[in-house]
């Protein structure tokens, strides 16, 4: 004969299901993406309220993906910047509708001098060694949460 779980055990199980369900209901985790280079944040000596995020993403799936956005609780805005300047000489922001391709079985490098994430309106003074939470958003509605370490200017 089996015994029914006690009320406290059932409550814990239901609470766990509700929490797990709420996470999955909003966004799937980008399981196909692997961060292959330690994410880092570079401080900008000429602009104290901005920083650049650099990392490499490996797409382990057979499908193309696109990085369409980023955010951090430590910045008012986060932009994906591509190396091609606009006619006015300003950096080009990636089109959020198209994003930046992460090819099937390929790697996207967000590196100095190339495509990167620009954090603007920093809400805290960052120092080398600080950890900055960053969430990457992909066209399939999946997200990848990571932590980038602040390096010097």
N, C-alpha and C. Protein backbone atom coordinates (compact mmCIF):
# COMPACT_ATOMS: atom_id res chain seq x y z
N UNK A 1 0.83 -1.16 0.00
CA UNK A 1 0.00 0.00 0.00
C UNK A 1 0.89 1.25 0.00
N UNK A 2 0.56 2.23 -0.87
CA UNK A 2 1.34 3.46 -0.94
C UNK A 2 0.66 4.56 -0.15
N UNK A 3 1.46 5.43 0.42
CA UNK A 3 0.93 6.55 1.18
C UNK A 3 0.93 7.79 0.32
N UNK A 4 -0.07 8.61 0.46
CA UNK A 4 -0.13 9.89 -0.24
C UNK A 4 0.88 10.84 0.41
N UNK A 5 1.50 11.69 -0.39
CA UNK A 5 2.43 12.66 0.20
C UNK A 5 1.72 13.58 1.19
N UNK A 6 2.45 14.03 2.18
CA UNK A 6 1.88 14.92 3.18
C UNK A 6 1.59 16.29 2.56
N UNK A 7 0.78 17.08 3.22
CA UNK A 7 0.41 18.41 2.72
C UNK A 7 1.64 19.30 2.51
N UNK A 8 2.62 19.35 3.43
CA UNK A 8 3.81 20.19 3.19
C UNK A 8 4.59 19.75 1.95
N UNK A 9 4.70 18.44 1.74
CA UNK A 9 5.42 17.94 0.57
C UNK A 9 4.69 18.33 -0.70
N UNK A 10 3.37 18.19 -0.72
CA UNK A 10 2.58 18.59 -1.88
C UNK A 10 2.72 20.08 -2.15
N UNK A 11 2.73 20.89 -1.11
CA UNK A 11 2.88 22.33 -1.27
C UNK A 11 4.22 22.67 -1.91
N UNK A 12 5.28 22.01 -1.46
CA UNK A 12 6.60 22.25 -2.03
C UNK A 12 6.64 21.83 -3.50
N UNK A 13 6.05 20.68 -3.80
CA UNK A 13 6.03 20.21 -5.19
C UNK A 13 5.26 21.18 -6.08
N UNK A 14 4.11 21.63 -5.63
CA UNK A 14 3.31 22.57 -6.42
C UNK A 14 4.04 23.90 -6.59
N UNK A 15 4.68 24.38 -5.55
CA UNK A 15 5.43 25.64 -5.65
C UNK A 15 6.56 25.50 -6.67
N UNK A 16 7.25 24.35 -6.65
CA UNK A 16 8.31 24.12 -7.61
C UNK A 16 7.79 24.08 -9.03
N UNK A 17 6.63 23.46 -9.24
CA UNK A 17 6.04 23.43 -10.58
C UNK A 17 5.64 24.82 -11.04
N UNK A 18 5.08 25.61 -10.13
CA UNK A 18 4.68 26.97 -10.51
C UNK A 18 5.88 27.81 -10.90
N UNK A 19 6.97 27.72 -10.13
CA UNK A 19 8.17 28.49 -10.44
C UNK A 19 8.76 28.03 -11.76
N UNK A 20 8.89 26.72 -11.95
CA UNK A 20 9.45 26.21 -13.21
C UNK A 20 8.56 26.59 -14.38
N UNK A 21 7.26 26.52 -14.20
CA UNK A 21 6.34 26.87 -15.27
C UNK A 21 6.42 28.33 -15.63
N UNK A 22 6.60 29.21 -14.64
CA UNK A 22 6.65 30.64 -14.93
C UNK A 22 7.93 31.00 -15.68
N UNK A 23 9.03 30.31 -15.39
CA UNK A 23 10.26 30.58 -16.12
C UNK A 23 10.11 30.14 -17.57
N UNK A 24 9.61 28.96 -17.79
CA UNK A 24 9.47 28.43 -19.14
C UNK A 24 8.41 29.17 -19.94
N UNK A 25 7.41 29.71 -19.29
CA UNK A 25 6.33 30.38 -20.01
C UNK A 25 6.80 31.67 -20.66
N UNK A 26 7.80 32.32 -20.08
CA UNK A 26 8.25 33.59 -20.61
C UNK A 26 9.26 33.43 -21.75
N UNK A 27 10.31 32.69 -21.51
CA UNK A 27 11.37 32.54 -22.52
C UNK A 27 12.05 31.20 -22.34
N UNK A 28 12.36 30.58 -23.44
CA UNK A 28 13.15 29.35 -23.38
C UNK A 28 14.62 29.73 -23.23
N UNK A 29 15.38 28.84 -22.64
CA UNK A 29 16.81 29.06 -22.50
C UNK A 29 17.48 28.66 -23.81
N UNK A 30 18.45 29.43 -24.24
CA UNK A 30 19.16 29.17 -25.50
C UNK A 30 20.16 28.04 -25.30
N UNK A 31 19.65 26.80 -25.25
CA UNK A 31 20.52 25.64 -24.99
C UNK A 31 21.52 25.39 -26.11
N UNK A 32 21.22 25.86 -27.32
CA UNK A 32 22.12 25.62 -28.46
C UNK A 32 23.33 26.53 -28.45
N UNK A 33 23.33 27.56 -27.59
CA UNK A 33 24.42 28.53 -27.57
C UNK A 33 25.39 28.21 -26.44
N UNK A 34 26.66 28.27 -26.78
CA UNK A 34 27.71 28.01 -25.82
C UNK A 34 28.66 29.21 -25.85
N UNK A 35 28.92 29.79 -24.69
CA UNK A 35 29.87 30.90 -24.60
C UNK A 35 31.26 30.28 -24.60
N UNK A 36 32.06 30.61 -25.63
CA UNK A 36 33.37 29.96 -25.80
C UNK A 36 34.54 30.84 -25.38
N UNK A 37 34.31 32.10 -25.14
CA UNK A 37 35.37 32.99 -24.63
C UNK A 37 34.80 33.69 -23.41
N UNK A 38 35.59 33.83 -22.38
CA UNK A 38 35.11 34.45 -21.14
C UNK A 38 34.51 35.82 -21.44
N UNK A 39 33.23 36.02 -21.10
CA UNK A 39 32.62 37.33 -21.33
C UNK A 39 33.31 38.39 -20.49
N UNK A 40 33.58 39.53 -21.12
CA UNK A 40 34.22 40.60 -20.37
C UNK A 40 33.61 41.94 -20.75
N UNK A 41 33.71 42.86 -19.84
CA UNK A 41 33.21 44.22 -20.03
C UNK A 41 34.41 45.14 -20.03
N UNK A 42 34.52 45.97 -21.07
CA UNK A 42 35.60 46.95 -21.16
C UNK A 42 35.05 48.32 -20.82
N UNK A 43 35.67 48.96 -19.86
CA UNK A 43 35.28 50.32 -19.50
C UNK A 43 35.77 51.29 -20.56
N UNK A 44 35.04 52.36 -20.75
CA UNK A 44 35.39 53.36 -21.77
C UNK A 44 35.92 54.61 -21.07
N UNK A 45 37.21 54.91 -21.19
CA UNK A 45 37.79 56.03 -20.46
C UNK A 45 37.19 57.38 -20.85
N UNK A 46 36.71 57.51 -22.07
CA UNK A 46 36.16 58.79 -22.54
C UNK A 46 34.68 58.96 -22.20
N UNK A 47 34.01 57.88 -21.75
CA UNK A 47 32.58 57.95 -21.43
C UNK A 47 32.30 57.07 -20.22
N UNK A 48 32.23 57.69 -19.05
CA UNK A 48 32.11 56.94 -17.80
C UNK A 48 30.80 56.17 -17.69
N UNK A 49 29.78 56.55 -18.46
CA UNK A 49 28.49 55.85 -18.33
C UNK A 49 28.27 54.82 -19.43
N UNK A 50 29.35 54.41 -20.14
CA UNK A 50 29.22 53.38 -21.16
C UNK A 50 30.29 52.31 -20.97
N UNK A 51 30.00 51.13 -21.47
CA UNK A 51 30.95 50.02 -21.44
C UNK A 51 30.62 49.08 -22.61
N UNK A 52 31.62 48.32 -23.03
CA UNK A 52 31.43 47.38 -24.13
C UNK A 52 31.54 45.95 -23.60
N UNK A 53 30.67 45.08 -24.11
CA UNK A 53 30.69 43.67 -23.73
C UNK A 53 31.25 42.87 -24.90
N UNK A 54 32.23 42.01 -24.60
CA UNK A 54 32.85 41.15 -25.61
C UNK A 54 32.76 39.70 -25.17
N UNK A 55 32.47 38.82 -26.11
CA UNK A 55 32.41 37.38 -25.86
C UNK A 55 32.30 36.66 -27.19
N UNK A 56 32.37 35.35 -27.18
CA UNK A 56 32.16 34.54 -28.38
C UNK A 56 31.07 33.53 -28.09
N UNK A 57 30.17 33.36 -29.06
CA UNK A 57 29.06 32.43 -28.94
C UNK A 57 29.19 31.35 -30.00
N UNK A 58 29.09 30.13 -29.59
CA UNK A 58 29.11 28.99 -30.52
C UNK A 58 27.70 28.44 -30.62
N UNK A 59 27.18 28.37 -31.86
CA UNK A 59 25.87 27.80 -32.13
C UNK A 59 26.07 26.31 -32.39
N UNK A 60 25.61 25.48 -31.47
CA UNK A 60 25.82 24.04 -31.60
C UNK A 60 24.71 23.35 -32.39
N UNK A 61 23.73 24.10 -32.85
CA UNK A 61 22.61 23.47 -33.55
C UNK A 61 22.83 23.43 -35.06
N UNK A 62 21.93 22.78 -35.75
CA UNK A 62 21.96 22.71 -37.21
C UNK A 62 21.20 23.86 -37.84
N UNK A 63 20.65 24.74 -37.00
CA UNK A 63 19.85 25.86 -37.48
C UNK A 63 20.56 27.18 -37.26
N UNK A 64 20.39 28.09 -38.21
CA UNK A 64 20.89 29.45 -38.02
C UNK A 64 20.09 30.14 -36.93
N UNK A 65 20.73 30.99 -36.18
CA UNK A 65 20.06 31.81 -35.17
C UNK A 65 20.50 33.25 -35.39
N UNK A 66 19.85 34.16 -34.68
CA UNK A 66 20.26 35.57 -34.74
C UNK A 66 20.16 36.17 -33.35
N UNK A 67 21.19 36.89 -32.96
CA UNK A 67 21.20 37.65 -31.72
C UNK A 67 20.48 38.96 -32.00
N UNK A 68 19.35 39.19 -31.34
CA UNK A 68 18.55 40.38 -31.65
C UNK A 68 18.57 41.44 -30.56
N UNK A 69 19.08 41.11 -29.40
CA UNK A 69 19.08 42.11 -28.34
C UNK A 69 19.86 41.67 -27.13
N UNK A 70 20.08 42.62 -26.23
CA UNK A 70 20.79 42.36 -24.99
C UNK A 70 20.25 43.33 -23.94
N UNK A 71 20.45 42.97 -22.70
CA UNK A 71 20.07 43.87 -21.60
C UNK A 71 20.90 43.54 -20.38
N UNK A 72 20.99 44.52 -19.50
CA UNK A 72 21.68 44.35 -18.23
C UNK A 72 20.98 45.22 -17.20
N UNK A 73 20.79 44.72 -15.99
CA UNK A 73 20.18 45.55 -14.96
C UNK A 73 21.07 46.73 -14.55
N UNK A 74 22.33 46.72 -14.98
CA UNK A 74 23.26 47.80 -14.63
C UNK A 74 23.37 48.87 -15.71
N UNK A 75 22.51 48.78 -16.75
CA UNK A 75 22.54 49.77 -17.83
C UNK A 75 21.11 50.12 -18.24
N UNK A 76 20.92 51.39 -18.59
CA UNK A 76 19.61 51.81 -19.07
C UNK A 76 19.30 51.19 -20.43
N UNK A 77 20.33 51.07 -21.28
CA UNK A 77 20.15 50.48 -22.60
C UNK A 77 21.34 49.61 -22.95
N UNK A 78 21.09 48.64 -23.83
CA UNK A 78 22.16 47.80 -24.37
C UNK A 78 21.91 47.68 -25.87
N UNK A 79 22.92 47.98 -26.65
CA UNK A 79 22.81 47.96 -28.11
C UNK A 79 23.79 46.98 -28.69
N UNK A 80 23.39 46.29 -29.74
CA UNK A 80 24.33 45.47 -30.50
C UNK A 80 24.88 46.39 -31.58
N UNK A 81 26.18 46.60 -31.55
CA UNK A 81 26.83 47.53 -32.47
C UNK A 81 27.64 46.73 -33.49
N UNK A 82 27.48 47.07 -34.76
CA UNK A 82 28.25 46.43 -35.83
C UNK A 82 29.36 47.38 -36.26
N UNK A 83 30.44 46.86 -36.87
CA UNK A 83 31.59 47.73 -37.16
C UNK A 83 31.38 48.73 -38.29
N UNK A 84 30.35 48.56 -39.10
CA UNK A 84 30.15 49.48 -40.23
C UNK A 84 29.54 50.79 -39.74
N UNK A 85 30.24 51.93 -39.89
CA UNK A 85 29.68 53.20 -39.43
C UNK A 85 28.59 53.71 -40.38
N UNK A 86 27.73 54.54 -39.85
CA UNK A 86 26.70 55.19 -40.66
C UNK A 86 27.36 56.30 -41.46
N UNK A 87 26.64 56.89 -42.43
CA UNK A 87 27.22 58.01 -43.19
C UNK A 87 27.65 59.17 -42.29
N UNK A 88 27.01 59.34 -41.14
CA UNK A 88 27.38 60.41 -40.23
C UNK A 88 28.58 60.04 -39.37
N UNK A 89 29.13 58.81 -39.56
CA UNK A 89 30.29 58.39 -38.79
C UNK A 89 29.95 57.75 -37.46
N UNK A 90 28.67 57.62 -37.16
CA UNK A 90 28.25 56.98 -35.90
C UNK A 90 28.29 55.47 -36.05
N UNK A 91 28.45 54.72 -34.95
CA UNK A 91 28.41 53.26 -35.04
C UNK A 91 27.01 52.81 -35.49
N UNK A 92 26.96 51.74 -36.20
CA UNK A 92 25.69 51.20 -36.69
C UNK A 92 25.11 50.25 -35.65
N UNK A 93 23.84 50.44 -35.32
CA UNK A 93 23.14 49.53 -34.42
C UNK A 93 22.53 48.42 -35.26
N UNK A 94 22.65 47.20 -34.78
CA UNK A 94 22.05 46.08 -35.50
C UNK A 94 20.53 46.23 -35.49
N UNK A 95 19.91 45.91 -36.59
CA UNK A 95 18.45 45.95 -36.71
C UNK A 95 17.86 44.88 -35.81
N UNK A 96 17.07 45.27 -34.79
CA UNK A 96 16.53 44.26 -33.88
C UNK A 96 15.62 43.25 -34.58
N UNK A 97 15.07 43.61 -35.73
CA UNK A 97 14.23 42.67 -36.47
C UNK A 97 15.04 41.57 -37.11
N UNK A 98 16.26 41.91 -37.54
CA UNK A 98 17.12 40.93 -38.20
C UNK A 98 18.18 40.39 -37.25
N UNK A 99 18.74 41.25 -36.44
CA UNK A 99 19.78 40.85 -35.52
C UNK A 99 21.09 40.57 -36.20
N UNK A 100 21.97 39.93 -35.46
CA UNK A 100 23.30 39.55 -35.95
C UNK A 100 23.31 38.03 -36.08
N UNK A 101 23.62 37.51 -37.27
CA UNK A 101 23.57 36.06 -37.48
C UNK A 101 24.56 35.29 -36.61
N UNK A 102 24.08 34.15 -36.12
CA UNK A 102 24.92 33.15 -35.48
C UNK A 102 24.69 31.88 -36.30
N UNK A 103 25.57 31.63 -37.28
CA UNK A 103 25.32 30.54 -38.22
C UNK A 103 25.30 29.16 -37.56
N UNK A 104 24.57 28.25 -38.20
CA UNK A 104 24.51 26.87 -37.73
C UNK A 104 25.93 26.32 -37.61
N UNK A 105 26.22 25.70 -36.47
CA UNK A 105 27.54 25.13 -36.18
C UNK A 105 28.66 26.16 -36.31
N UNK A 106 28.32 27.44 -36.20
CA UNK A 106 29.30 28.50 -36.34
C UNK A 106 29.47 29.30 -35.06
N UNK A 107 30.32 30.32 -35.14
CA UNK A 107 30.65 31.14 -33.97
C UNK A 107 30.46 32.62 -34.31
N UNK A 108 29.88 33.34 -33.39
CA UNK A 108 29.78 34.80 -33.48
C UNK A 108 30.76 35.37 -32.47
N UNK A 109 31.69 36.20 -32.95
CA UNK A 109 32.66 36.84 -32.06
C UNK A 109 32.21 38.28 -31.83
N UNK A 110 31.98 38.63 -30.59
CA UNK A 110 31.70 40.01 -30.19
C UNK A 110 33.03 40.50 -29.60
N UNK A 111 33.80 41.21 -30.43
CA UNK A 111 35.19 41.49 -30.08
C UNK A 111 35.53 42.97 -30.28
N UNK A 112 36.59 43.45 -29.62
CA UNK A 112 37.03 44.84 -29.83
C UNK A 112 37.28 45.10 -31.32
N UNK A 113 36.80 46.24 -31.78
CA UNK A 113 36.97 46.60 -33.18
C UNK A 113 35.94 45.99 -34.11
N UNK A 114 35.10 45.11 -33.59
CA UNK A 114 34.08 44.45 -34.39
C UNK A 114 32.72 44.58 -33.73
N UNK A 115 31.85 43.67 -34.06
CA UNK A 115 30.53 43.66 -33.46
C UNK A 115 30.68 43.46 -31.95
N UNK A 116 29.93 44.22 -31.18
CA UNK A 116 29.98 44.13 -29.72
C UNK A 116 28.66 44.63 -29.14
N UNK A 117 28.51 44.50 -27.84
CA UNK A 117 27.35 45.03 -27.13
C UNK A 117 27.80 46.29 -26.41
N UNK A 118 27.06 47.37 -26.62
CA UNK A 118 27.36 48.64 -25.97
C UNK A 118 26.34 48.88 -24.87
N UNK A 119 26.81 48.96 -23.63
CA UNK A 119 25.95 49.29 -22.49
C UNK A 119 26.01 50.79 -22.30
N UNK A 120 24.86 51.45 -22.27
CA UNK A 120 24.81 52.90 -22.07
C UNK A 120 23.96 53.22 -20.86
N UNK A 121 24.24 54.38 -20.27
CA UNK A 121 23.50 54.79 -19.08
C UNK A 121 23.74 53.86 -17.91
N UNK A 122 25.01 53.56 -17.65
CA UNK A 122 25.33 52.66 -16.53
C UNK A 122 24.74 53.21 -15.24
N UNK A 123 24.14 52.33 -14.47
CA UNK A 123 23.47 52.75 -13.23
C UNK A 123 24.35 52.56 -12.00
N UNK A 124 25.57 52.07 -12.21
CA UNK A 124 26.52 51.90 -11.11
C UNK A 124 27.92 52.16 -11.66
N UNK A 125 28.81 52.61 -10.79
CA UNK A 125 30.20 52.80 -11.21
C UNK A 125 30.87 51.44 -11.20
N UNK A 126 31.34 51.01 -12.37
CA UNK A 126 31.97 49.70 -12.49
C UNK A 126 33.47 49.81 -12.29
N UNK A 127 34.02 48.78 -11.65
CA UNK A 127 35.46 48.73 -11.42
C UNK A 127 35.99 47.38 -11.92
N UNK A 128 37.26 47.33 -12.31
CA UNK A 128 37.82 46.05 -12.74
C UNK A 128 37.56 44.96 -11.71
N UNK A 129 37.13 43.81 -12.21
CA UNK A 129 36.82 42.67 -11.34
C UNK A 129 35.34 42.55 -11.01
N UNK A 130 34.56 43.62 -11.22
CA UNK A 130 33.12 43.55 -10.95
C UNK A 130 32.45 42.57 -11.91
N UNK A 131 31.36 41.98 -11.47
CA UNK A 131 30.57 41.06 -12.30
C UNK A 131 29.34 41.80 -12.82
N UNK A 132 29.10 41.71 -14.12
CA UNK A 132 27.97 42.39 -14.75
C UNK A 132 27.05 41.34 -15.36
N UNK A 133 25.80 41.25 -14.88
CA UNK A 133 24.86 40.31 -15.49
C UNK A 133 24.38 40.84 -16.84
N UNK A 134 24.34 39.97 -17.83
CA UNK A 134 23.90 40.33 -19.18
C UNK A 134 22.97 39.23 -19.67
N UNK A 135 21.88 39.63 -20.30
CA UNK A 135 20.96 38.68 -20.92
C UNK A 135 20.97 38.91 -22.42
N UNK A 136 21.22 37.86 -23.18
CA UNK A 136 21.19 37.92 -24.63
C UNK A 136 19.86 37.37 -25.11
N UNK A 137 19.26 38.03 -26.10
CA UNK A 137 17.97 37.60 -26.66
C UNK A 137 18.16 37.19 -28.11
N UNK A 138 17.51 36.08 -28.47
CA UNK A 138 17.62 35.54 -29.82
C UNK A 138 16.27 35.58 -30.54
N UNK A 139 16.31 35.49 -31.88
CA UNK A 139 15.11 35.64 -32.70
C UNK A 139 14.06 34.58 -32.39
N UNK A 140 14.44 33.44 -31.86
CA UNK A 140 13.47 32.39 -31.56
C UNK A 140 12.86 32.56 -30.16
N UNK A 141 13.03 33.73 -29.57
CA UNK A 141 12.52 34.08 -28.24
C UNK A 141 13.30 33.44 -27.09
N UNK A 142 14.41 32.76 -27.39
CA UNK A 142 15.21 32.18 -26.32
C UNK A 142 16.15 33.24 -25.76
N UNK A 143 16.63 32.99 -24.56
CA UNK A 143 17.55 33.91 -23.90
C UNK A 143 18.75 33.15 -23.35
N UNK A 144 19.84 33.86 -23.19
CA UNK A 144 21.03 33.30 -22.57
C UNK A 144 21.49 34.31 -21.53
N UNK A 145 21.50 33.89 -20.27
CA UNK A 145 21.95 34.76 -19.18
C UNK A 145 23.39 34.41 -18.86
N UNK A 146 24.20 35.45 -18.72
CA UNK A 146 25.61 35.24 -18.41
C UNK A 146 26.12 36.37 -17.53
N UNK A 147 27.31 36.19 -17.02
CA UNK A 147 27.97 37.22 -16.22
C UNK A 147 29.30 37.54 -16.86
N UNK A 148 29.54 38.82 -17.07
CA UNK A 148 30.78 39.28 -17.67
C UNK A 148 31.60 40.02 -16.62
N UNK A 149 32.89 39.76 -16.62
CA UNK A 149 33.79 40.43 -15.67
C UNK A 149 34.33 41.71 -16.26
N UNK A 150 34.38 42.75 -15.44
CA UNK A 150 34.88 44.04 -15.88
C UNK A 150 36.40 44.01 -15.93
N UNK A 151 36.95 44.41 -17.08
CA UNK A 151 38.40 44.57 -17.21
C UNK A 151 38.70 46.08 -17.20
N UNK A 152 39.96 46.44 -17.17
CA UNK A 152 40.32 47.86 -17.13
C UNK A 152 40.06 48.57 -18.43
N UNK A 153 40.20 49.91 -18.45
CA UNK A 153 39.94 50.69 -19.67
C UNK A 153 40.90 50.36 -20.79
